[in-house]
Amino acid sequence: QVAVYFATAKTLALVHFVYFAVKAGVSQRYAQLIHDGSKQE
């Protein structure tokens, strides 16, 4: 049962990839806008 669940859960990596890809690209921009940009930006 552990093997079935593990394989099923790891199939979600295809969906998780989107979140991790966006996260890796936006953090620096968040910091820049928080310190140098406007709230609207």
Full PDB file with SEQRES, HELIX, SHEET, SSBOND, CRYST1, ORIGX, SCALE, CONECT and MASTER records, all heavy atoms in Angstrom:
SEQRES   1 A   41  GLN VAL ALA VAL TYR PHE ALA THR ALA LYS THR LEU ALA          
SEQRES   2 A   41  LEU VAL HIS PHE VAL TYR PHE ALA VAL LYS ALA GLY VAL          
SEQRES   3 A   41  SER GLN ARG TYR ALA GLN LEU ILE HIS ASP GLY SER LYS          
SEQRES   4 A   41  GLN GLU                                                      
HELIX    1 AA1 VAL A    2  LYS A   10  1                                   9    
HELIX    2 AA2 ALA A   13  ASP A   36  1                                  24    
CRYST1    1.000    1.000    1.000  90.00  90.00  90.00 P 1           1          
ORIGX1      1.000000  0.000000  0.000000        0.00000                         
ORIGX2      0.000000  1.000000  0.000000        0.00000                         
ORIGX3      0.000000  0.000000  1.000000        0.00000                         
SCALE1      1.000000  0.000000  0.000000        0.00000                         
SCALE2      0.000000  1.000000  0.000000        0.00000                         
SCALE3      0.000000  0.000000  1.000000        0.00000                         
ATOM      1  N   GLN A   1       0.820  -1.204   0.000  1.00  0.00           N  
ATOM      2  CA  GLN A   1       0.000   0.000   0.000  1.00  0.00           C  
ATOM      3  C   GLN A   1       0.862   1.265   0.000  1.00  0.00           C  
ATOM      4  O   GLN A   1       0.521   2.261  -0.635  1.00  0.00           O  
ATOM      5  CB  GLN A   1      -0.921   0.001   1.223  1.00  0.00           C  
ATOM      6  CG  GLN A   1      -1.967  -1.094   1.213  1.00  0.00           C  
ATOM      7  CD  GLN A   1      -3.022  -0.823   0.157  1.00  0.00           C  
ATOM      8  OE1 GLN A   1      -3.798   0.110   0.265  1.00  0.00           O  
ATOM      9  NE2 GLN A   1      -3.028  -1.650  -0.887  1.00  0.00           N  
ATOM     10  N   VAL A   2       1.977   1.213   0.722  1.00  0.00           N  
ATOM     11  CA  VAL A   2       2.908   2.341   0.738  1.00  0.00           C  
ATOM     12  C   VAL A   2       3.449   2.600  -0.668  1.00  0.00           C  
ATOM     13  O   VAL A   2       3.546   3.742  -1.119  1.00  0.00           O  
ATOM     14  CB  VAL A   2       4.070   2.080   1.715  1.00  0.00           C  
ATOM     15  CG1 VAL A   2       5.038   3.265   1.719  1.00  0.00           C  
ATOM     16  CG2 VAL A   2       3.555   1.843   3.121  1.00  0.00           C  
ATOM     17  N   ALA A   3       3.778   1.531  -1.368  1.00  0.00           N  
ATOM     18  CA  ALA A   3       4.319   1.673  -2.723  1.00  0.00           C  
ATOM     19  C   ALA A   3       3.302   2.316  -3.657  1.00  0.00           C  
ATOM     20  O   ALA A   3       3.641   3.209  -4.452  1.00  0.00           O  
ATOM     21  CB  ALA A   3       4.733   0.304  -3.257  1.00  0.00           C  
ATOM     22  N   VAL A   4       2.044   1.898  -3.558  1.00  0.00           N  
ATOM     23  CA  VAL A   4       0.997   2.473  -4.406  1.00  0.00           C  
ATOM     24  C   VAL A   4       0.823   3.961  -4.110  1.00  0.00           C  
ATOM     25  O   VAL A   4       0.755   4.793  -5.031  1.00  0.00           O  
ATOM     26  CB  VAL A   4      -0.339   1.722  -4.200  1.00  0.00           C  
ATOM     27  CG1 VAL A   4      -1.483   2.464  -4.891  1.00  0.00           C  
ATOM     28  CG2 VAL A   4      -0.238   0.304  -4.730  1.00  0.00           C  
ATOM     29  N   TYR A   5       0.776   4.298  -2.828  1.00  0.00           N  
ATOM     30  CA  TYR A   5       0.575   5.713  -2.474  1.00  0.00           C  
ATOM     31  C   TYR A   5       1.780   6.556  -2.869  1.00  0.00           C  
ATOM     32  O   TYR A   5       1.625   7.680  -3.356  1.00  0.00           O  
ATOM     33  CB  TYR A   5       0.304   5.852  -0.976  1.00  0.00           C  
ATOM     34  CG  TYR A   5      -0.080   7.263  -0.588  1.00  0.00           C  
ATOM     35  CD1 TYR A   5      -1.380   7.718  -0.790  1.00  0.00           C  
ATOM     36  CD2 TYR A   5       0.858   8.158  -0.075  1.00  0.00           C  
ATOM     37  CE1 TYR A   5      -1.740   9.019  -0.461  1.00  0.00           C  
ATOM     38  CE2 TYR A   5       0.511   9.463   0.245  1.00  0.00           C  
ATOM     39  CZ  TYR A   5      -0.790   9.877   0.053  1.00  0.00           C  
ATOM     40  OH  TYR A   5      -1.139  11.168   0.358  1.00  0.00           O  
ATOM     41  N   PHE A   6       2.977   6.027  -2.656  1.00  0.00           N  
ATOM     42  CA  PHE A   6       4.191   6.780  -2.989  1.00  0.00           C  
ATOM     43  C   PHE A   6       4.233   7.085  -4.484  1.00  0.00           C  
ATOM     44  O   PHE A   6       4.510   8.219  -4.900  1.00  0.00           O  
ATOM     45  CB  PHE A   6       5.429   5.990  -2.570  1.00  0.00           C  
ATOM     46  CG  PHE A   6       6.716   6.688  -2.858  1.00  0.00           C  
ATOM     47  CD1 PHE A   6       7.186   7.677  -2.019  1.00  0.00           C  
ATOM     48  CD2 PHE A   6       7.470   6.367  -3.975  1.00  0.00           C  
ATOM     49  CE1 PHE A   6       8.383   8.336  -2.279  1.00  0.00           C  
ATOM     50  CE2 PHE A   6       8.668   7.016  -4.251  1.00  0.00           C  
ATOM     51  CZ  PHE A   6       9.117   8.002  -3.398  1.00  0.00           C  
ATOM     52  N   ALA A   7       3.963   6.083  -5.299  1.00  0.00           N  
ATOM     53  CA  ALA A   7       3.980   6.294  -6.747  1.00  0.00           C  
ATOM     54  C   ALA A   7       2.907   7.295  -7.163  1.00  0.00           C  
ATOM     55  O   ALA A   7       3.136   8.158  -8.020  1.00  0.00           O  
ATOM     56  CB  ALA A   7       3.760   4.961  -7.462  1.00  0.00           C  
ATOM     57  N   THR A   8       1.729   7.203  -6.538  1.00  0.00           N  
ATOM     58  CA  THR A   8       0.646   8.128  -6.873  1.00  0.00           C  
ATOM     59  C   THR A   8       0.998   9.552  -6.477  1.00  0.00           C  
ATOM     60  O   THR A   8       0.795  10.504  -7.244  1.00  0.00           O  
ATOM     61  CB  THR A   8      -0.649   7.696  -6.158  1.00  0.00           C  
ATOM     62  OG1 THR A   8      -0.936   6.336  -6.484  1.00  0.00           O  
ATOM     63  CG2 THR A   8      -1.812   8.578  -6.579  1.00  0.00           C  
ATOM     64  N   ALA A   9       1.539   9.716  -5.258  1.00  0.00           N  
ATOM     65  CA  ALA A   9       1.885  11.052  -4.771  1.00  0.00           C  
ATOM     66  C   ALA A   9       3.001  11.672  -5.606  1.00  0.00           C  
ATOM     67  O   ALA A   9       2.975  12.884  -5.892  1.00  0.00           O  
ATOM     68  CB  ALA A   9       2.300  10.978  -3.308  1.00  0.00           C  
ATOM     69  N   LYS A  10       3.962  10.874  -6.018  1.00  0.00           N  
ATOM     70  CA  LYS A  10       5.077  11.413  -6.780  1.00  0.00           C  
ATOM     71  C   LYS A  10       4.685  11.755  -8.213  1.00  0.00           C  
ATOM     72  O   LYS A  10       5.386  12.514  -8.885  1.00  0.00           O  
ATOM     73  CB  LYS A  10       6.256  10.431  -6.773  1.00  0.00           C  
ATOM     74  CG  LYS A  10       6.889  10.265  -5.397  1.00  0.00           C  
ATOM     75  CD  LYS A  10       7.227  11.616  -4.774  1.00  0.00           C  
ATOM     76  CE  LYS A  10       7.729  11.506  -3.354  1.00  0.00           C  
ATOM     77  NZ  LYS A  10       7.952  12.826  -2.723  1.00  0.00           N  
ATOM     78  N   THR A  11       3.579  11.194  -8.691  1.00  0.00           N  
ATOM     79  CA  THR A  11       3.072  11.598  -9.999  1.00  0.00           C  
ATOM     80  C   THR A  11       2.684  13.072  -9.999  1.00  0.00           C  
ATOM     81  O   THR A  11       2.696  13.742 -11.041  1.00  0.00           O  
ATOM     82  CB  THR A  11       1.867  10.725 -10.391  1.00  0.00           C  
ATOM     83  OG1 THR A  11       2.243   9.346 -10.333  1.00  0.00           O  
ATOM     84  CG2 THR A  11       1.376  11.042 -11.785  1.00  0.00           C  
ATOM     85  N   LEU A  12       2.387  13.596  -8.797  1.00  0.00           N  
ATOM     86  CA  LEU A  12       2.035  15.012  -8.672  1.00  0.00           C  
ATOM     87  C   LEU A  12       3.211  15.942  -8.948  1.00  0.00           C  
ATOM     88  O   LEU A  12       3.019  17.157  -9.029  1.00  0.00           O  
ATOM     89  CB  LEU A  12       1.514  15.300  -7.264  1.00  0.00           C  
ATOM     90  CG  LEU A  12       0.157  14.703  -6.872  1.00  0.00           C  
ATOM     91  CD1 LEU A  12      -0.115  14.966  -5.414  1.00  0.00           C  
ATOM     92  CD2 LEU A  12      -0.937  15.276  -7.742  1.00  0.00           C  
ATOM     93  N   ALA A  13       4.412  15.395  -9.061  1.00  0.00           N  
ATOM     94  CA  ALA A  13       5.578  16.246  -9.323  1.00  0.00           C  
ATOM     95  C   ALA A  13       5.388  17.077 -10.585  1.00  0.00           C  
ATOM     96  O   ALA A  13       5.904  18.200 -10.689  1.00  0.00           O  
ATOM     97  CB  ALA A  13       6.839  15.392  -9.433  1.00  0.00           C  
ATOM     98  N   LEU A  14       4.634  16.554 -11.540  1.00  0.00           N  
ATOM     99  CA  LEU A  14       4.373  17.300 -12.770  1.00  0.00           C  
ATOM    100  C   LEU A  14       3.573  18.567 -12.494  1.00  0.00           C  
ATOM    101  O   LEU A  14       3.715  19.570 -13.201  1.00  0.00           O  
ATOM    102  CB  LEU A  14       3.612  16.407 -13.763  1.00  0.00           C  
ATOM    103  CG  LEU A  14       4.362  15.166 -14.268  1.00  0.00           C  
ATOM    104  CD1 LEU A  14       3.419  14.283 -15.076  1.00  0.00           C  
ATOM    105  CD2 LEU A  14       5.565  15.574 -15.106  1.00  0.00           C  
ATOM    106  N   VAL A  15       2.729  18.528 -11.463  1.00  0.00           N  
ATOM    107  CA  VAL A  15       1.950  19.708 -11.089  1.00  0.00           C  
ATOM    108  C   VAL A  15       2.767  20.609 -10.160  1.00  0.00           C  
ATOM    109  O   VAL A  15       2.761  21.837 -10.298  1.00  0.00           O  
ATOM    110  CB  VAL A  15       0.626  19.298 -10.405  1.00  0.00           C  
ATOM    111  CG1 VAL A  15      -0.255  20.513 -10.152  1.00  0.00           C  
ATOM    112  CG2 VAL A  15      -0.111  18.268 -11.243  1.00  0.00           C  
ATOM    113  N   HIS A  16       3.467  20.012  -9.202  1.00  0.00           N  
ATOM    114  CA  HIS A  16       4.299  20.781  -8.266  1.00  0.00           C  
ATOM    115  C   HIS A  16       5.357  21.604  -8.997  1.00  0.00           C  
ATOM    116  O   HIS A  16       5.768  22.664  -8.514  1.00  0.00           O  
ATOM    117  CB  HIS A  16       5.005  19.845  -7.278  1.00  0.00           C  
ATOM    118  CG  HIS A  16       4.133  19.385  -6.162  1.00  0.00           C  
ATOM    119  ND1 HIS A  16       3.543  20.249  -5.261  1.00  0.00           N  
ATOM    120  CD2 HIS A  16       3.751  18.138  -5.789  1.00  0.00           C  
ATOM    121  CE1 HIS A  16       2.842  19.565  -4.383  1.00  0.00           C  
ATOM    122  NE2 HIS A  16       2.944  18.280  -4.674  1.00  0.00           N  
ATOM    123  N   PHE A  17       5.812  21.105 -10.140  1.00  0.00           N  
ATOM    124  CA  PHE A  17       6.901  21.775 -10.856  1.00  0.00           C  
ATOM    125  C   PHE A  17       6.562  23.224 -11.172  1.00  0.00           C  
ATOM    126  O   PHE A  17       7.428  24.099 -11.116  1.00  0.00           O  
ATOM    127  CB  PHE A  17       7.214  21.004 -12.147  1.00  0.00           C  
ATOM    128  CG  PHE A  17       8.203  21.701 -13.038  1.00  0.00           C  
ATOM    129  CD1 PHE A  17       9.560  21.660 -12.747  1.00  0.00           C  
ATOM    130  CD2 PHE A  17       7.788  22.415 -14.154  1.00  0.00           C  
ATOM    131  CE1 PHE A  17      10.482  22.316 -13.560  1.00  0.00           C  
ATOM    132  CE2 PHE A  17       8.699  23.074 -14.959  1.00  0.00           C  
ATOM    133  CZ  PHE A  17      10.043  23.013 -14.668  1.00  0.00           C  
ATOM    134  N   VAL A  18       5.299  23.492 -11.507  1.00  0.00           N  
ATOM    135  CA  VAL A  18       4.897  24.858 -11.856  1.00  0.00           C  
ATOM    136  C   VAL A  18       5.137  25.790 -10.678  1.00  0.00           C  
ATOM    137  O   VAL A  18       5.721  26.872 -10.812  1.00  0.00           O  
ATOM    138  CB  VAL A  18       3.414  24.888 -12.271  1.00  0.00           C  
ATOM    139  CG1 VAL A  18       2.980  26.326 -12.552  1.00  0.00           C  
ATOM    140  CG2 VAL A  18       3.184  24.007 -13.476  1.00  0.00           C  
ATOM    141  N   TYR A  19       4.675  25.380  -9.493  1.00  0.00           N  
ATOM    142  CA  TYR A  19       4.830  26.205  -8.292  1.00  0.00           C  
ATOM    143  C   TYR A  19       6.303  26.479  -7.990  1.00  0.00           C  
ATOM    144  O   TYR A  19       6.694  27.628  -7.743  1.00  0.00           O  
ATOM    145  CB  TYR A  19       4.163  25.504  -7.114  1.00  0.00           C  
ATOM    146  CG  TYR A  19       4.630  25.976  -5.764  1.00  0.00           C  
ATOM    147  CD1 TYR A  19       4.200  27.197  -5.234  1.00  0.00           C  
ATOM    148  CD2 TYR A  19       5.509  25.207  -5.004  1.00  0.00           C  
ATOM    149  CE1 TYR A  19       4.642  27.629  -3.994  1.00  0.00           C  
ATOM    150  CE2 TYR A  19       5.939  25.632  -3.769  1.00  0.00           C  
ATOM    151  CZ  TYR A  19       5.501  26.845  -3.271  1.00  0.00           C  
ATOM    152  OH  TYR A  19       5.951  27.265  -2.054  1.00  0.00           O  
ATOM    153  N   PHE A  20       7.129  25.451  -8.022  1.00  0.00           N  
ATOM    154  CA  PHE A  20       8.544  25.639  -7.708  1.00  0.00           C  
ATOM    155  C   PHE A  20       9.250  26.485  -8.761  1.00  0.00           C  
ATOM    156  O   PHE A  20      10.165  27.257  -8.439  1.00  0.00           O  
ATOM    157  CB  PHE A  20       9.235  24.280  -7.560  1.00  0.00           C  
ATOM    158  CG  PHE A  20       8.912  23.570  -6.287  1.00  0.00           C  
ATOM    159  CD1 PHE A  20       8.098  22.460  -6.276  1.00  0.00           C  
ATOM    160  CD2 PHE A  20       9.408  24.044  -5.072  1.00  0.00           C  
ATOM    161  CE1 PHE A  20       7.789  21.808  -5.085  1.00  0.00           C  
ATOM    162  CE2 PHE A  20       9.098  23.400  -3.872  1.00  0.00           C  
ATOM    163  CZ  PHE A  20       8.286  22.282  -3.889  1.00  0.00           C  
ATOM    164  N   ALA A  21       8.839  26.359 -10.023  1.00  0.00           N  
ATOM    165  CA  ALA A  21       9.453  27.167 -11.077  1.00  0.00           C  
ATOM    166  C   ALA A  21       9.127  28.643 -10.891  1.00  0.00           C  
ATOM    167  O   ALA A  21      10.010  29.509 -10.992  1.00  0.00           O  
ATOM    168  CB  ALA A  21       8.971  26.683 -12.441  1.00  0.00           C  
ATOM    169  N   VAL A  22       7.856  28.955 -10.598  1.00  0.00           N  
ATOM    170  CA  VAL A  22       7.464  30.348 -10.387  1.00  0.00           C  
ATOM    171  C   VAL A  22       8.135  30.892  -9.120  1.00  0.00           C  
ATOM    172  O   VAL A  22       8.629  32.028  -9.109  1.00  0.00           O  
ATOM    173  CB  VAL A  22       5.929  30.478 -10.290  1.00  0.00           C  
ATOM    174  CG1 VAL A  22       5.529  31.904  -9.934  1.00  0.00           C  
ATOM    175  CG2 VAL A  22       5.285  30.054 -11.595  1.00  0.00           C  
ATOM    176  N   LYS A  23       8.149  30.099  -8.076  1.00  0.00           N  
ATOM    177  CA  LYS A  23       8.764  30.527  -6.815  1.00  0.00           C  
ATOM    178  C   LYS A  23      10.225  30.907  -7.009  1.00  0.00           C  
ATOM    179  O   LYS A  23      10.698  31.910  -6.462  1.00  0.00           O  
ATOM    180  CB  LYS A  23       8.642  29.408  -5.781  1.00  0.00           C  
ATOM    181  CG  LYS A  23       9.295  29.716  -4.450  1.00  0.00           C  
ATOM    182  CD  LYS A  23       9.166  28.540  -3.495  1.00  0.00           C  
ATOM    183  CE  LYS A  23       9.878  28.819  -2.187  1.00  0.00           C  
ATOM    184  NZ  LYS A  23       9.761  27.691  -1.229  1.00  0.00           N  
ATOM    185  N   ALA A  24      10.947  30.117  -7.795  1.00  0.00           N  
ATOM    186  CA  ALA A  24      12.368  30.393  -8.016  1.00  0.00           C  
ATOM    187  C   ALA A  24      12.587  31.689  -8.773  1.00  0.00           C  
ATOM    188  O   ALA A  24      13.635  32.329  -8.629  1.00  0.00           O  
ATOM    189  CB  ALA A  24      13.003  29.232  -8.788  1.00  0.00           C  
ATOM    190  N   GLY A  25      11.592  32.108  -9.568  1.00  0.00           N  
ATOM    191  CA  GLY A  25      11.790  33.278 -10.401  1.00  0.00           C  
ATOM    192  C   GLY A  25      11.282  34.589  -9.842  1.00  0.00           C  
ATOM    193  O   GLY A  25      11.664  35.654 -10.338  1.00  0.00           O  
ATOM    194  N   VAL A  26      10.406  34.546  -8.813  1.00  0.00           N  
ATOM    195  CA  VAL A  26       9.756  35.785  -8.387  1.00  0.00           C  
ATOM    196  C   VAL A  26      10.297  36.359  -7.082  1.00  0.00           C  
ATOM    197  O   VAL A  26      10.044  37.538  -6.778  1.00  0.00           O  
ATOM    198  CB  VAL A  26       8.231  35.582  -8.237  1.00  0.00           C  
ATOM    199  CG1 VAL A  26       7.615  35.115  -9.540  1.00  0.00           C  
ATOM    200  CG2 VAL A  26       7.904  34.607  -7.110  1.00  0.00           C  
ATOM    201  N   SER A  27      11.019  35.580  -6.299  1.00  0.00           N  
ATOM    202  CA  SER A  27      11.436  36.051  -4.969  1.00  0.00           C  
ATOM    203  C   SER A  27      12.262  37.328  -5.042  1.00  0.00           C  
ATOM    204  O   SER A  27      12.031  38.286  -4.293  1.00  0.00           O  
ATOM    205  CB  SER A  27      12.225  34.953  -4.254  1.00  0.00           C  
ATOM    206  OG  SER A  27      11.419  33.829  -4.013  1.00  0.00           O  
ATOM    207  N   GLN A  28      13.237  37.363  -5.950  1.00  0.00           N  
ATOM    208  CA  GLN A  28      14.082  38.549  -6.070  1.00  0.00           C  
ATOM    209  C   GLN A  28      13.266  39.763  -6.501  1.00  0.00           C  
ATOM    210  O   GLN A  28      13.502  40.881  -6.048  1.00  0.00           O  
ATOM    211  CB  GLN A  28      15.223  38.288  -7.067  1.00  0.00           C  
ATOM    212  CG  GLN A  28      16.181  37.195  -6.644  1.00  0.00           C  
ATOM    213  CD  GLN A  28      15.735  35.816  -7.078  1.00  0.00           C  
ATOM    214  OE1 GLN A  28      14.592  35.615  -7.454  1.00  0.00           O  
ATOM    215  NE2 GLN A  28      16.651  34.860  -7.028  1.00  0.00           N  
ATOM    216  N   ARG A  29      12.296  39.518  -7.387  1.00  0.00           N  
ATOM    217  CA  ARG A  29      11.452  40.630  -7.848  1.00  0.00           C  
ATOM    218  C   ARG A  29      10.565  41.131  -6.713  1.00  0.00           C  
ATOM    219  O   ARG A  29      10.326  42.341  -6.592  1.00  0.00           O  
ATOM    220  CB  ARG A  29      10.610  40.151  -9.030  1.00  0.00           C  
ATOM    221  CG  ARG A  29       9.708  41.227  -9.643  1.00  0.00           C  
ATOM    222  CD  ARG A  29      10.504  42.382 -10.215  1.00  0.00           C  
ATOM    223  NE  ARG A  29       9.633  43.324 -10.902  1.00  0.00           N  
ATOM    224  CZ  ARG A  29       9.980  44.568 -11.214  1.00  0.00           C  
ATOM    225  NH1 ARG A  29      11.179  45.022 -10.879  1.00  0.00           N  
ATOM    226  NH2 ARG A  29       9.140  45.353 -11.840  1.00  0.00           N  
ATOM    227  N   TYR A  30      10.068  40.226  -5.877  1.00  0.00           N  
ATOM    228  CA  TYR A  30       9.307  40.641  -4.696  1.00  0.00           C  
ATOM    229  C   TYR A  30      10.145  41.596  -3.845  1.00  0.00           C  
ATOM    230  O   TYR A  30       9.678  42.662  -3.437  1.00  0.00           O  
ATOM    231  CB  TYR A  30       8.924  39.429  -3.847  1.00  0.00           C  
ATOM    232  CG  TYR A  30       7.759  38.622  -4.362  1.00  0.00           C  
ATOM    233  CD1 TYR A  30       7.587  37.300  -3.960  1.00  0.00           C  
ATOM    234  CD2 TYR A  30       6.824  39.172  -5.227  1.00  0.00           C  
ATOM    235  CE1 TYR A  30       6.513  36.549  -4.413  1.00  0.00           C  
ATOM    236  CE2 TYR A  30       5.755  38.415  -5.694  1.00  0.00           C  
ATOM    237  CZ  TYR A  30       5.607  37.105  -5.274  1.00  0.00           C  
ATOM    238  OH  TYR A  30       4.546  36.369  -5.713  1.00  0.00           O  
ATOM    239  N   ALA A  31      11.375  41.188  -3.562  1.00  0.00           N  
ATOM    240  CA  ALA A  31      12.243  41.998  -2.707  1.00  0.00           C  
ATOM    241  C   ALA A  31      12.496  43.368  -3.323  1.00  0.00           C  
ATOM    242  O   ALA A  31      12.468  44.390  -2.626  1.00  0.00           O  
ATOM    243  CB  ALA A  31      13.566  41.263  -2.473  1.00  0.00           C  
ATOM    244  N   GLN A  32      12.731  43.393  -4.625  1.00  0.00           N  
ATOM    245  CA  GLN A  32      13.001  44.666  -5.298  1.00  0.00           C  
ATOM    246  C   GLN A  32      11.800  45.598  -5.217  1.00  0.00           C  
ATOM    247  O   GLN A  32      11.938  46.790  -4.903  1.00  0.00           O  
ATOM    248  CB  GLN A  32      13.369  44.408  -6.753  1.00  0.00           C  
ATOM    249  CG  GLN A  32      13.670  45.684  -7.542  1.00  0.00           C  
ATOM    250  CD  GLN A  32      13.923  45.396  -9.007  1.00  0.00           C  
ATOM    251  OE1 GLN A  32      13.697  44.284  -9.476  1.00  0.00           O  
ATOM    252  NE2 GLN A  32      14.386  46.399  -9.736  1.00  0.00           N  
ATOM    253  N   LEU A  33      10.607  45.070  -5.476  1.00  0.00           N  
ATOM    254  CA  LEU A  33       9.406  45.909  -5.467  1.00  0.00           C  
ATOM    255  C   LEU A  33       9.032  46.346  -4.052  1.00  0.00           C  
ATOM    256  O   LEU A  33       8.522  47.458  -3.857  1.00  0.00           O  
ATOM    257  CB  LEU A  33       8.236  45.152  -6.101  1.00  0.00           C  
ATOM    258  CG  LEU A  33       8.335  44.923  -7.614  1.00  0.00           C  
ATOM    259  CD1 LEU A  33       7.204  44.045  -8.109  1.00  0.00           C  
ATOM    260  CD2 LEU A  33       8.353  46.255  -8.356  1.00  0.00           C  
ATOM    261  N   ILE A  34       9.275  45.501  -3.071  1.00  0.00           N  
ATOM    262  CA  ILE A  34       8.969  45.864  -1.682  1.00  0.00           C  
ATOM    263  C   ILE A  34       9.817  47.049  -1.234  1.00  0.00           C  
ATOM    264  O   ILE A  34       9.343  47.954  -0.538  1.00  0.00           O  
ATOM    265  CB  ILE A  34       9.184  44.655  -0.752  1.00  0.00           C  
ATOM    266  CG1 ILE A  34       8.064  43.624  -0.974  1.00  0.00           C  
ATOM    267  CG2 ILE A  34       9.209  45.076   0.721  1.00  0.00           C  
ATOM    268  CD1 ILE A  34       8.323  42.295  -0.333  1.00  0.00           C  
ATOM    269  N   HIS A  35      11.069  47.085  -1.659  1.00  0.00           N  
ATOM    270  CA  HIS A  35      11.994  48.119  -1.190  1.00  0.00           C  
ATOM    271  C   HIS A  35      12.081  49.326  -2.123  1.00  0.00           C  
ATOM    272  O   HIS A  35      12.354  50.437  -1.672  1.00  0.00           O  
ATOM    273  CB  HIS A  35      13.382  47.521  -0.979  1.00  0.00           C  
ATOM    274  CG  HIS A  35      13.437  46.513   0.122  1.00  0.00           C  
ATOM    275  ND1 HIS A  35      13.395  46.856   1.461  1.00  0.00           N  
ATOM    276  CD2 HIS A  35      13.494  45.160   0.095  1.00  0.00           C  
ATOM    277  CE1 HIS A  35      13.444  45.769   2.205  1.00  0.00           C  
ATOM    278  NE2 HIS A  35      13.512  44.729   1.402  1.00  0.00           N  
ATOM    279  N   ASP A  36      11.841  49.106  -3.422  1.00  0.00           N  
ATOM    280  CA  ASP A  36      12.045  50.198  -4.374  1.00  0.00           C  
ATOM    281  C   ASP A  36      10.809  50.573  -5.176  1.00  0.00           C  
ATOM    282  O   ASP A  36      10.791  51.634  -5.803  1.00  0.00           O  
ATOM    283  CB  ASP A  36      13.164  49.835  -5.370  1.00  0.00           C  
ATOM    284  CG  ASP A  36      14.490  49.604  -4.681  1.00  0.00           C  
ATOM    285  OD1 ASP A  36      14.739  50.272  -3.652  1.00  0.00           O  
ATOM    286  OD2 ASP A  36      15.267  48.759  -5.153  1.00  0.00           O  
ATOM    287  N   GLY A  37       9.798  49.731  -5.190  1.00  0.00           N  
ATOM    288  CA  GLY A  37       8.639  49.995  -6.028  1.00  0.00           C  
ATOM    289  C   GLY A  37       7.450  50.514  -5.240  1.00  0.00           C  
ATOM    290  O   GLY A  37       7.503  50.691  -4.020  1.00  0.00           O  
ATOM    291  N   SER A  38       6.360  50.761  -5.942  1.00  0.00           N  
ATOM    292  CA  SER A  38       5.121  51.213  -5.305  1.00  0.00           C  
ATOM    293  C   SER A  38       4.284  50.007  -4.915  1.00  0.00           C  
ATOM    294  O   SER A  38       4.496  48.886  -5.400  1.00  0.00           O  
ATOM    295  CB  SER A  38       4.335  52.108  -6.263  1.00  0.00           C  
ATOM    296  OG  SER A  38       3.890  51.353  -7.388  1.00  0.00           O  
ATOM    297  N   LYS A  39       3.292  50.250  -4.059  1.00  0.00           N  
ATOM    298  CA  LYS A  39       2.414  49.159  -3.657  1.00  0.00           C  
ATOM    299  C   LYS A  39       1.615  48.651  -4.836  1.00  0.00           C  
ATOM    300  O   LYS A  39       1.329  47.445  -4.940  1.00  0.00           O  
ATOM    301  CB  LYS A  39       1.471  49.622  -2.539  1.00  0.00           C  
ATOM    302  CG  LYS A  39       0.566  48.505  -2.040  1.00  0.00           C  
ATOM    303  CD  LYS A  39      -0.347  48.952  -0.922  1.00  0.00           C  
ATOM    304  CE  LYS A  39      -1.265  47.808  -0.500  1.00  0.00           C  
ATOM    305  NZ  LYS A  39      -2.189  48.187   0.588  1.00  0.00           N  
ATOM    306  N   GLN A  40       1.232  49.548  -5.754  1.00  0.00           N  
ATOM    307  CA  GLN A  40       0.474  49.129  -6.920  1.00  0.00           C  
ATOM    308  C   GLN A  40       1.286  48.177  -7.795  1.00  0.00           C  
ATOM    309  O   GLN A  40       0.769  47.181  -8.298  1.00  0.00           O  
ATOM    310  CB  GLN A  40       0.044  50.359  -7.738  1.00  0.00           C  
ATOM    311  CG  GLN A  40      -1.032  51.217  -7.096  1.00  0.00           C  
ATOM    312  CD  GLN A  40      -0.488  52.067  -5.938  1.00  0.00           C  
ATOM    313  OE1 GLN A  40       0.737  52.275  -5.835  1.00  0.00           O  
ATOM    314  NE2 GLN A  40      -1.376  52.568  -5.096  1.00  0.00           N  
ATOM    315  N   GLU A  41       2.572  48.496  -7.977  1.00  0.00           N  
ATOM    316  CA  GLU A  41       3.439  47.610  -8.756  1.00  0.00           C  
ATOM    317  C   GLU A  41       3.586  46.253  -8.086  1.00  0.00           C  
ATOM    318  O   GLU A  41       3.535  45.208  -8.738  1.00  0.00           O  
ATOM    319  CB  GLU A  41       4.813  48.252  -8.937  1.00  0.00           C  
ATOM    320  CG  GLU A  41       4.859  49.437  -9.872  1.00  0.00           C  
ATOM    321  CD  GLU A  41       6.256  50.022  -9.959  1.00  0.00           C  
ATOM    322  OE1 GLU A  41       6.822  50.390  -8.915  1.00  0.00           O  
ATOM    323  OE2 GLU A  41       6.787  50.087 -11.088  1.00  0.00           O  
TER     324      GLU A  41                                                      
MASTER        0    0    0    2    0    0    0    6  323    1    0    4          
END                                                                             
